[in-house]
Amino acid sequence: MRLAASREPWWYGREWTGSPLLAYASAHRVRTHTAIPEHRSPAHKLAIVVHGSCDLVVGGRVLHLAGGDGALIPAQVPIRGGPGPNIGLFLWLGLSPKRDGDGGTALLDPAERIRIARRLTAAHLQVLQVPAELIAAAGAVFTAVHGRSPVLLRHGLTLCLFARLEAALDASAGSPDADRLAPAEALLARHLDGSLRIADLAQACGLGLTAFTAFTACCRRQTGLTPLAWVNRRRLQAAHAALAAGCDAAAVASRFGYPDARHLRRALRGLGFLG
């Protein structure tokens, strides 16, 4: 997929898609960190990071997406950029399988429409690895919409996108360790001073050292980060919140396991929490 641009950052927004199943198709390419203002999507939003990284806060929950990651975001839920840098190439597609609109031939029978709508709702806020086939399908939809391809082609590409998305959701749901990060998150929340080892978190998830690679894959799939990067980001998020609340910098550094305020600020700056 090749998306050209004459300036950075850039985006193509909500042009009429020609497909009642697709509310909008947008793309952004950003070379320097750009804040994402708070907004609400009128449809299910499929967010795909083709390359780079993107931090989103969706309904109060932070999603970390790296290259090859995607997420389904509920309609009408507040979305804004998170604390980390948003740099790279992103695709945003609004999926709306509720109705076909006025006139024309129905693209889906009622039972299939209901099934897909329920499937999308059940997958909300799930971070999934996006296979090359899904990225290609999303890129084809974007190109067809903004290249003003025939409406029939847009219909067909949108249906292909839904099929590829369902296949990616099936692959993610089939993972036996898909929900194992929850115990690790709870343990980490109680020990943000840097004293926890990755092995402790793996054990909390029921994955011993012999299954460390499974824990790494689980963490990468759900957060877009390696276990160490995930732990460090959680610590720095809490430290940044404490500083924003007016706490003493030296005390915050000690509380979260940093030698002094200078080392803490350097770590915060390295992950984009400070300018």
C-alpha atoms as a PDB file:
ATOM      1  CA  MET A   1       0.000   0.000   0.000  1.00  0.00           C
ATOM      2  CA  ARG A   2       1.434   3.380  -0.978  1.00  0.00           C
ATOM      3  CA  LEU A   3      -0.026   6.590   0.406  1.00  0.00           C
ATOM      4  CA  ALA A   4       1.600   9.756  -0.872  1.00  0.00           C
ATOM      5  CA  ALA A   5       1.587  13.115   0.866  1.00  0.00           C
ATOM      6  CA  SER A   6       2.905  16.575   0.036  1.00  0.00           C
ATOM      7  CA  ARG A   7       3.252  17.715   3.643  1.00  0.00           C
ATOM      8  CA  GLU A   8       3.568  16.266   7.135  1.00  0.00           C
ATOM      9  CA  PRO A   9       1.467  15.573   9.094  1.00  0.00           C
ATOM     10  CA  TRP A  10      -1.458  14.902   6.772  1.00  0.00           C
ATOM     11  CA  TRP A  11      -4.761  13.123   6.718  1.00  0.00           C
ATOM     12  CA  TYR A  12      -7.673  12.241   4.471  1.00  0.00           C
ATOM     13  CA  GLY A  13     -10.948  12.468   6.322  1.00  0.00           C
ATOM     14  CA  ARG A  14     -14.612  11.574   6.088  1.00  0.00           C
ATOM     15  CA  GLU A  15     -15.348  11.624   2.412  1.00  0.00           C
ATOM     16  CA  TRP A  16     -18.592   9.980   1.251  1.00  0.00           C
ATOM     17  CA  THR A  17     -17.694   6.298   1.080  1.00  0.00           C
ATOM     18  CA  GLY A  18     -20.414   5.005  -1.205  1.00  0.00           C
ATOM     19  CA  SER A  19     -20.879   1.974   1.037  1.00  0.00           C
ATOM     20  CA  PRO A  20     -23.554   1.929   3.736  1.00  0.00           C
ATOM     21  CA  LEU A  21     -21.389  -0.486   5.752  1.00  0.00           C
ATOM     22  CA  LEU A  22     -18.555   2.026   5.929  1.00  0.00           C
ATOM     23  CA  ALA A  23     -19.060   5.372   7.683  1.00  0.00           C
ATOM     24  CA  TYR A  24     -15.628   6.809   6.797  1.00  0.00           C
ATOM     25  CA  ALA A  25     -12.107   5.895   5.738  1.00  0.00           C
ATOM     26  CA  SER A  26      -9.236   8.054   6.971  1.00  0.00           C
ATOM     27  CA  ALA A  27      -5.458   7.872   7.052  1.00  0.00           C
ATOM     28  CA  HIS A  28      -2.759   9.873   8.825  1.00  0.00           C
ATOM     29  CA  ARG A  29       0.978   9.919   8.280  1.00  0.00           C
ATOM     30  CA  VAL A  30       2.853  11.742  11.042  1.00  0.00           C
ATOM     31  CA  ARG A  31       6.623  12.170  11.293  1.00  0.00           C
ATOM     32  CA  THR A  32       6.727  14.096  14.572  1.00  0.00           C
ATOM     33  CA  HIS A  33       4.608  13.578  17.669  1.00  0.00           C
ATOM     34  CA  THR A  34       1.132  14.994  17.136  1.00  0.00           C
ATOM     35  CA  ALA A  35      -1.517  15.219  19.848  1.00  0.00           C
ATOM     36  CA  ILE A  36      -4.863  13.569  19.053  1.00  0.00           C
ATOM     37  CA  PRO A  37      -7.703  15.808  20.310  1.00  0.00           C
ATOM     38  CA  GLU A  38     -10.681  14.263  22.061  1.00  0.00           C
ATOM     39  CA  HIS A  39     -13.466  13.176  19.712  1.00  0.00           C
ATOM     40  CA  ARG A  40     -16.180  10.535  19.278  1.00  0.00           C
ATOM     41  CA  SER A  41     -16.649   8.189  16.360  1.00  0.00           C
ATOM     42  CA  PRO A  42     -20.152   7.843  14.880  1.00  0.00           C
ATOM     43  CA  ALA A  43     -19.489   4.147  14.167  1.00  0.00           C
ATOM     44  CA  HIS A  44     -17.291   1.276  15.314  1.00  0.00           C
ATOM     45  CA  LYS A  45     -13.758   2.564  14.671  1.00  0.00           C
ATOM     46  CA  LEU A  46     -11.131   0.140  13.408  1.00  0.00           C
ATOM     47  CA  ALA A  47      -7.739   1.679  14.203  1.00  0.00           C
ATOM     48  CA  ILE A  48      -4.705   0.148  12.479  1.00  0.00           C
ATOM     49  CA  VAL A  49      -1.075   1.177  12.998  1.00  0.00           C
ATOM     50  CA  VAL A  50       0.660   0.266   9.747  1.00  0.00           C
ATOM     51  CA  HIS A  51       4.006   1.354  11.192  1.00  0.00           C
ATOM     52  CA  GLY A  52       5.126   3.496  14.106  1.00  0.00           C
ATOM     53  CA  SER A  53       3.224   3.693  17.389  1.00  0.00           C
ATOM     54  CA  CYS A  54       0.046   5.264  18.702  1.00  0.00           C
ATOM     55  CA  ASP A  55      -1.220   5.866  22.238  1.00  0.00           C
ATOM     56  CA  LEU A  56      -4.987   6.256  22.669  1.00  0.00           C
ATOM     57  CA  VAL A  57      -7.150   6.878  25.722  1.00  0.00           C
ATOM     58  CA  VAL A  58     -10.573   5.344  25.034  1.00  0.00           C
ATOM     59  CA  GLY A  59     -13.232   5.842  27.688  1.00  0.00           C
ATOM     60  CA  GLY A  60     -10.491   6.211  30.303  1.00  0.00           C
ATOM     61  CA  ARG A  61      -8.546   3.117  29.199  1.00  0.00           C
ATOM     62  CA  VAL A  62      -5.079   3.500  27.659  1.00  0.00           C
ATOM     63  CA  LEU A  63      -4.346   1.498  24.502  1.00  0.00           C
ATOM     64  CA  HIS A  64      -0.765   1.188  23.265  1.00  0.00           C
ATOM     65  CA  LEU A  65      -0.615   0.269  19.585  1.00  0.00           C
ATOM     66  CA  ALA A  66       2.613  -0.505  17.763  1.00  0.00           C
ATOM     67  CA  GLY A  67       3.192  -1.307  14.103  1.00  0.00           C
ATOM     68  CA  GLY A  68       0.982  -4.189  12.994  1.00  0.00           C
ATOM     69  CA  ASP A  69      -1.504  -3.676  15.838  1.00  0.00           C
ATOM     70  CA  GLY A  70      -5.165  -2.774  15.609  1.00  0.00           C
ATOM     71  CA  ALA A  71      -8.102  -2.133  17.898  1.00  0.00           C
ATOM     72  CA  LEU A  72     -11.871  -1.840  17.641  1.00  0.00           C
ATOM     73  CA  ILE A  73     -13.226   1.238  19.412  1.00  0.00           C
ATOM     74  CA  PRO A  74     -16.898   1.586  20.395  1.00  0.00           C
ATOM     75  CA  ALA A  75     -19.062   4.243  18.770  1.00  0.00           C
ATOM     76  CA  GLN A  76     -19.674   7.482  20.664  1.00  0.00           C
ATOM     77  CA  VAL A  77     -17.006   6.753  23.301  1.00  0.00           C
ATOM     78  CA  PRO A  78     -14.538   9.611  24.001  1.00  0.00           C
ATOM     79  CA  ILE A  79     -11.186   9.061  22.268  1.00  0.00           C
ATOM     80  CA  ARG A  80      -8.025  11.140  22.664  1.00  0.00           C
ATOM     81  CA  GLY A  81      -4.298  10.728  22.357  1.00  0.00           C
ATOM     82  CA  GLY A  82      -2.400   9.133  25.231  1.00  0.00           C
ATOM     83  CA  PRO A  83       0.863  10.234  26.846  1.00  0.00           C
ATOM     84  CA  GLY A  84       3.175   8.456  24.436  1.00  0.00           C
ATOM     85  CA  PRO A  85       4.279   9.695  21.007  1.00  0.00           C
ATOM     86  CA  ASN A  86       1.925   9.255  18.044  1.00  0.00           C
ATOM     87  CA  ILE A  87       4.240   8.828  15.083  1.00  0.00           C
ATOM     88  CA  GLY A  88       3.810   6.715  11.959  1.00  0.00           C
ATOM     89  CA  LEU A  89       1.145   5.693   9.459  1.00  0.00           C
ATOM     90  CA  PHE A  90      -2.371   5.051  10.787  1.00  0.00           C
ATOM     91  CA  LEU A  91      -5.598   3.890   9.146  1.00  0.00           C
ATOM     92  CA  TRP A  92      -9.024   4.623  10.673  1.00  0.00           C
ATOM     93  CA  LEU A  93     -12.168   2.994   9.306  1.00  0.00           C
ATOM     94  CA  GLY A  94     -15.692   3.529  10.589  1.00  0.00           C
ATOM     95  CA  LEU A  95     -17.637   0.252  10.402  1.00  0.00           C
ATOM     96  CA  SER A  96     -21.431   0.442  10.458  1.00  0.00           C
ATOM     97  CA  PRO A  97     -23.154  -2.912   9.782  1.00  0.00           C
ATOM     98  CA  LYS A  98     -26.548  -1.840  11.187  1.00  0.00           C
ATOM     99  CA  ARG A  99     -28.371  -0.892   8.003  1.00  0.00           C
ATOM    100  CA  ASP A 100     -28.045  -0.431   4.248  1.00  0.00           C
ATOM    101  CA  GLY A 101     -29.584   3.009   4.083  1.00  0.00           C
ATOM    102  CA  ASP A 102     -32.135   4.235   1.562  1.00  0.00           C
ATOM    103  CA  GLY A 103     -32.525   2.439  -1.736  1.00  0.00           C
ATOM    104  CA  GLY A 104     -30.219  -0.028  -3.400  1.00  0.00           C
ATOM    105  CA  THR A 105     -29.776  -3.753  -2.932  1.00  0.00           C
ATOM    106  CA  ALA A 106     -29.172  -5.020   0.586  1.00  0.00           C
ATOM    107  CA  LEU A 107     -25.552  -6.080   1.049  1.00  0.00           C
ATOM    108  CA  LEU A 108     -26.238  -8.332   4.039  1.00  0.00           C
ATOM    109  CA  ASP A 109     -29.285 -10.276   5.117  1.00  0.00           C
ATOM    110  CA  PRO A 110     -30.697  -9.244   8.538  1.00  0.00           C
ATOM    111  CA  ALA A 111     -29.332 -12.269  10.412  1.00  0.00           C
ATOM    112  CA  GLU A 112     -25.800 -11.730   9.073  1.00  0.00           C
ATOM    113  CA  ARG A 113     -25.983  -8.012   9.862  1.00  0.00           C
ATOM    114  CA  ILE A 114     -26.956  -8.742  13.477  1.00  0.00           C
ATOM    115  CA  ARG A 115     -24.220 -11.363  13.824  1.00  0.00           C
ATOM    116  CA  ILE A 116     -21.491  -9.022  12.581  1.00  0.00           C
ATOM    117  CA  ALA A 117     -22.716  -6.138  14.733  1.00  0.00           C
ATOM    118  CA  ARG A 118     -22.603  -8.362  17.827  1.00  0.00           C
ATOM    119  CA  ARG A 119     -19.157  -9.623  16.890  1.00  0.00           C
ATOM    120  CA  LEU A 120     -17.775  -6.100  16.580  1.00  0.00           C
ATOM    121  CA  THR A 121     -19.355  -5.054  19.887  1.00  0.00           C
ATOM    122  CA  ALA A 122     -17.873  -8.072  21.692  1.00  0.00           C
ATOM    123  CA  ALA A 123     -14.393  -7.223  20.407  1.00  0.00           C
ATOM    124  CA  HIS A 124     -14.413  -3.608  21.562  1.00  0.00           C
ATOM    125  CA  LEU A 125     -11.113  -2.322  22.994  1.00  0.00           C
ATOM    126  CA  GLN A 126      -9.354  -5.572  22.148  1.00  0.00           C
ATOM    127  CA  VAL A 127      -5.819  -5.032  20.862  1.00  0.00           C
ATOM    128  CA  LEU A 128      -5.082  -7.539  18.115  1.00  0.00           C
ATOM    129  CA  GLN A 129      -2.237  -8.303  15.800  1.00  0.00           C
ATOM    130  CA  VAL A 130      -3.254  -7.233  12.310  1.00  0.00           C
ATOM    131  CA  PRO A 131      -2.137  -9.652   9.584  1.00  0.00           C
ATOM    132  CA  ALA A 132      -0.864  -8.372   6.261  1.00  0.00           C
ATOM    133  CA  GLU A 133      -4.121  -9.436   4.605  1.00  0.00           C
ATOM    134  CA  LEU A 134      -6.192  -7.147   6.850  1.00  0.00           C
ATOM    135  CA  ILE A 135      -3.827  -4.204   6.363  1.00  0.00           C
ATOM    136  CA  ALA A 136      -4.050  -4.730   2.602  1.00  0.00           C
ATOM    137  CA  ALA A 137      -7.864  -4.906   2.741  1.00  0.00           C
ATOM    138  CA  ALA A 138      -8.055  -1.700   4.801  1.00  0.00           C
ATOM    139  CA  GLY A 139      -5.664   0.054   2.437  1.00  0.00           C
ATOM    140  CA  ALA A 140      -7.697  -1.067  -0.569  1.00  0.00           C
ATOM    141  CA  VAL A 141     -10.892   0.323   0.980  1.00  0.00           C
ATOM    142  CA  PHE A 142      -9.198   3.640   1.730  1.00  0.00           C
ATOM    143  CA  THR A 143      -7.772   3.866  -1.799  1.00  0.00           C
ATOM    144  CA  ALA A 144     -11.137   2.985  -3.397  1.00  0.00           C
ATOM    145  CA  VAL A 145     -13.007   5.603  -1.358  1.00  0.00           C
ATOM    146  CA  HIS A 146     -10.573   8.439  -1.948  1.00  0.00           C
ATOM    147  CA  GLY A 147      -9.859   7.400  -5.522  1.00  0.00           C
ATOM    148  CA  ARG A 148     -13.612   7.566  -6.222  1.00  0.00           C
ATOM    149  CA  SER A 149     -13.734   3.999  -7.548  1.00  0.00           C
ATOM    150  CA  PRO A 150     -17.106   2.609  -8.745  1.00  0.00           C
ATOM    151  CA  VAL A 151     -19.592   2.101  -5.915  1.00  0.00           C
ATOM    152  CA  LEU A 152     -19.883  -1.625  -6.628  1.00  0.00           C
ATOM    153  CA  LEU A 153     -16.129  -2.003  -6.111  1.00  0.00           C
ATOM    154  CA  ARG A 154     -16.345  -0.134  -2.801  1.00  0.00           C
ATOM    155  CA  HIS A 155     -19.122  -2.501  -1.678  1.00  0.00           C
ATOM    156  CA  GLY A 156     -17.043  -5.559  -2.539  1.00  0.00           C
ATOM    157  CA  LEU A 157     -13.872  -4.266  -0.875  1.00  0.00           C
ATOM    158  CA  THR A 158     -15.810  -3.360   2.269  1.00  0.00           C
ATOM    159  CA  LEU A 159     -17.245  -6.877   2.506  1.00  0.00           C
ATOM    160  CA  CYS A 160     -13.717  -8.238   2.037  1.00  0.00           C
ATOM    161  CA  LEU A 161     -12.542  -5.978   4.864  1.00  0.00           C
ATOM    162  CA  PHE A 162     -15.225  -7.388   7.190  1.00  0.00           C
ATOM    163  CA  ALA A 163     -14.176 -10.943   6.305  1.00  0.00           C
ATOM    164  CA  ARG A 164     -10.487 -10.217   6.948  1.00  0.00           C
ATOM    165  CA  LEU A 165     -11.315  -8.519  10.239  1.00  0.00           C
ATOM    166  CA  GLU A 166     -13.360 -11.487  11.429  1.00  0.00           C
ATOM    167  CA  ALA A 167     -10.495 -13.830  10.553  1.00  0.00           C
ATOM    168  CA  ALA A 168      -8.114 -11.679  12.638  1.00  0.00           C
ATOM    169  CA  LEU A 169     -10.570 -11.687  15.550  1.00  0.00           C
ATOM    170  CA  ASP A 170     -10.905 -15.477  15.293  1.00  0.00           C
ATOM    171  CA  ALA A 171      -7.121 -15.866  15.419  1.00  0.00           C
ATOM    172  CA  SER A 172      -6.875 -13.593  18.459  1.00  0.00           C
ATOM    173  CA  ALA A 173      -9.775 -15.277  20.288  1.00  0.00           C
ATOM    174  CA  GLY A 174      -8.241 -18.674  19.687  1.00  0.00           C
ATOM    175  CA  SER A 175      -5.157 -17.830  21.748  1.00  0.00           C
ATOM    176  CA  PRO A 176      -5.248 -19.750  25.064  1.00  0.00           C
ATOM    177  CA  ASP A 177      -3.501 -16.955  26.968  1.00  0.00           C
ATOM    178  CA  ALA A 178      -5.518 -14.036  25.584  1.00  0.00           C
ATOM    179  CA  ASP A 179      -6.785 -12.891  29.026  1.00  0.00           C
ATOM    180  CA  ARG A 180      -3.776 -13.753  31.163  1.00  0.00           C
ATOM    181  CA  LEU A 181      -2.446 -10.211  31.532  1.00  0.00           C
ATOM    182  CA  ALA A 182      -5.170  -9.210  34.010  1.00  0.00           C
ATOM    183  CA  PRO A 183      -3.455 -10.795  37.065  1.00  0.00           C
ATOM    184  CA  ALA A 184      -0.137  -9.241  36.023  1.00  0.00           C
ATOM    185  CA  GLU A 185      -1.760  -5.805  35.734  1.00  0.00           C
ATOM    186  CA  ALA A 186      -3.221  -6.140  39.237  1.00  0.00           C
ATOM    187  CA  LEU A 187       0.154  -7.220  40.672  1.00  0.00           C
ATOM    188  CA  LEU A 188       2.001  -4.434  38.894  1.00  0.00           C
ATOM    189  CA  ALA A 189      -0.461  -1.825  40.162  1.00  0.00           C
ATOM    190  CA  ARG A 190       0.494  -2.801  43.723  1.00  0.00           C
ATOM    191  CA  HIS A 191       4.253  -2.745  43.071  1.00  0.00           C
ATOM    192  CA  LEU A 192       5.153   0.241  40.889  1.00  0.00           C
ATOM    193  CA  ASP A 193       8.468   0.862  42.675  1.00  0.00           C
ATOM    194  CA  GLY A 194      10.485  -1.232  40.220  1.00  0.00           C
ATOM    195  CA  SER A 195      10.879  -4.176  42.590  1.00  0.00           C
ATOM    196  CA  LEU A 196       8.943  -6.667  40.450  1.00  0.00           C
ATOM    197  CA  ARG A 197      10.732  -9.007  38.088  1.00  0.00           C
ATOM    198  CA  ILE A 198       9.271 -10.036  34.749  1.00  0.00           C
ATOM    199  CA  ALA A 199       9.318 -13.595  36.089  1.00  0.00           C
ATOM    200  CA  ASP A 200       6.974 -12.514  38.914  1.00  0.00           C
ATOM    201  CA  LEU A 201       4.487 -11.158  36.389  1.00  0.00           C
ATOM    202  CA  ALA A 202       4.712 -14.283  34.248  1.00  0.00           C
ATOM    203  CA  GLN A 203       4.068 -16.440  37.305  1.00  0.00           C
ATOM    204  CA  ALA A 204       1.043 -14.313  38.254  1.00  0.00           C
ATOM    205  CA  CYS A 205      -0.381 -15.122  34.824  1.00  0.00           C
ATOM    206  CA  GLY A 206       0.142 -18.825  35.394  1.00  0.00           C
ATOM    207  CA  LEU A 207       3.126 -18.886  33.042  1.00  0.00           C
ATOM    208  CA  GLY A 208       6.373 -20.106  34.558  1.00  0.00           C
ATOM    209  CA  LEU A 209       9.825 -19.246  33.297  1.00  0.00           C
ATOM    210  CA  THR A 210       9.660 -22.158  30.890  1.00  0.00           C
ATOM    211  CA  ALA A 211       6.674 -20.433  29.254  1.00  0.00           C
ATOM    212  CA  PHE A 212       8.250 -16.974  29.210  1.00  0.00           C
ATOM    213  CA  THR A 213       7.912 -16.700  25.440  1.00  0.00           C
ATOM    214  CA  ALA A 214       4.156 -17.266  25.791  1.00  0.00           C
ATOM    215  CA  PHE A 215       3.966 -14.433  28.324  1.00  0.00           C
ATOM    216  CA  THR A 216       5.939 -12.162  25.997  1.00  0.00           C
ATOM    217  CA  ALA A 217       3.578 -12.953  23.117  1.00  0.00           C
ATOM    218  CA  CYS A 218       0.540 -12.383  25.358  1.00  0.00           C
ATOM    219  CA  CYS A 219       1.881  -9.003  26.494  1.00  0.00           C
ATOM    220  CA  ARG A 220       2.797  -7.965  22.966  1.00  0.00           C
ATOM    221  CA  ARG A 221      -0.630  -8.956  21.616  1.00  0.00           C
ATOM    222  CA  GLN A 222      -2.649  -7.114  24.264  1.00  0.00           C
ATOM    223  CA  THR A 223      -0.510  -4.000  24.803  1.00  0.00           C
ATOM    224  CA  GLY A 224       1.682  -3.654  21.726  1.00  0.00           C
ATOM    225  CA  LEU A 225       4.757  -3.634  23.996  1.00  0.00           C
ATOM    226  CA  THR A 226       7.362  -6.063  25.288  1.00  0.00           C
ATOM    227  CA  PRO A 227       6.906  -7.001  28.968  1.00  0.00           C
ATOM    228  CA  LEU A 228       9.760  -4.732  30.092  1.00  0.00           C
ATOM    229  CA  ALA A 229       8.495  -1.781  28.048  1.00  0.00           C
ATOM    230  CA  TRP A 230       4.966  -2.391  29.359  1.00  0.00           C
ATOM    231  CA  VAL A 231       6.164  -2.369  32.993  1.00  0.00           C
ATOM    232  CA  ASN A 232       8.245   0.774  32.475  1.00  0.00           C
ATOM    233  CA  ARG A 233       5.397   2.601  30.758  1.00  0.00           C
ATOM    234  CA  ARG A 234       2.968   1.769  33.569  1.00  0.00           C
ATOM    235  CA  ARG A 235       5.462   3.021  36.168  1.00  0.00           C
ATOM    236  CA  LEU A 236       6.080   6.233  34.256  1.00  0.00           C
ATOM    237  CA  GLN A 237       2.366   6.852  33.713  1.00  0.00           C
ATOM    238  CA  ALA A 238       1.807   6.675  37.472  1.00  0.00           C
ATOM    239  CA  ALA A 239       4.866   8.841  38.159  1.00  0.00           C
ATOM    240  CA  HIS A 240       3.740  11.440  35.614  1.00  0.00           C
ATOM    241  CA  ALA A 241       0.279  11.561  37.201  1.00  0.00           C
ATOM    242  CA  ALA A 242       1.849  12.108  40.635  1.00  0.00           C
ATOM    243  CA  LEU A 243       3.992  14.972  39.337  1.00  0.00           C
ATOM    244  CA  ALA A 244       0.970  16.522  37.618  1.00  0.00           C
ATOM    245  CA  ALA A 245      -0.862  16.383  40.961  1.00  0.00           C
ATOM    246  CA  GLY A 246       1.889  18.524  42.514  1.00  0.00           C
ATOM    247  CA  CYS A 247       3.886  15.874  44.384  1.00  0.00           C
ATOM    248  CA  ASP A 248       7.562  16.534  45.134  1.00  0.00           C
ATOM    249  CA  ALA A 249       9.754  15.266  42.280  1.00  0.00           C
ATOM    250  CA  ALA A 250      12.361  13.658  44.562  1.00  0.00           C
ATOM    251  CA  ALA A 251       9.670  11.835  46.532  1.00  0.00           C
ATOM    252  CA  VAL A 252       8.007  10.619  43.315  1.00  0.00           C
ATOM    253  CA  ALA A 253      11.355   9.354  41.981  1.00  0.00           C
ATOM    254  CA  SER A 254      11.980   7.396  45.182  1.00  0.00           C
ATOM    255  CA  ARG A 255       8.443   6.006  45.245  1.00  0.00           C
ATOM    256  CA  PHE A 256       8.663   4.632  41.718  1.00  0.00           C
ATOM    257  CA  GLY A 257      12.185   3.239  41.943  1.00  0.00           C
ATOM    258  CA  TYR A 258      14.292   5.926  40.240  1.00  0.00           C
ATOM    259  CA  PRO A 259      17.605   7.126  41.778  1.00  0.00           C
ATOM    260  CA  ASP A 260      16.620  10.795  41.723  1.00  0.00           C
ATOM    261  CA  ALA A 261      14.368  13.362  40.036  1.00  0.00           C
ATOM    262  CA  ARG A 262      16.850  13.846  37.183  1.00  0.00           C
ATOM    263  CA  HIS A 263      16.727  10.173  36.191  1.00  0.00           C
ATOM    264  CA  LEU A 264      12.933  10.194  36.461  1.00  0.00           C
ATOM    265  CA  ARG A 265      12.595  13.231  34.186  1.00  0.00           C
ATOM    266  CA  ARG A 266      14.977  11.684  31.674  1.00  0.00           C
ATOM    267  CA  ALA A 267      12.858   8.513  31.582  1.00  0.00           C
ATOM    268  CA  LEU A 268       9.644  10.538  31.239  1.00  0.00           C
ATOM    269  CA  ARG A 269      11.139  12.574  28.417  1.00  0.00           C
ATOM    270  CA  GLY A 270      12.365   9.443  26.629  1.00  0.00           C
ATOM    271  CA  LEU A 271       8.828   8.070  26.347  1.00  0.00           C
ATOM    272  CA  GLY A 272       7.245  11.366  25.392  1.00  0.00           C
ATOM    273  CA  PHE A 273       5.618  12.188  28.743  1.00  0.00           C
ATOM    274  CA  LEU A 274       7.589  15.443  28.957  1.00  0.00           C
ATOM    275  CA  GLY A 275       8.459  17.834  26.168  1.00  0.00           C
END
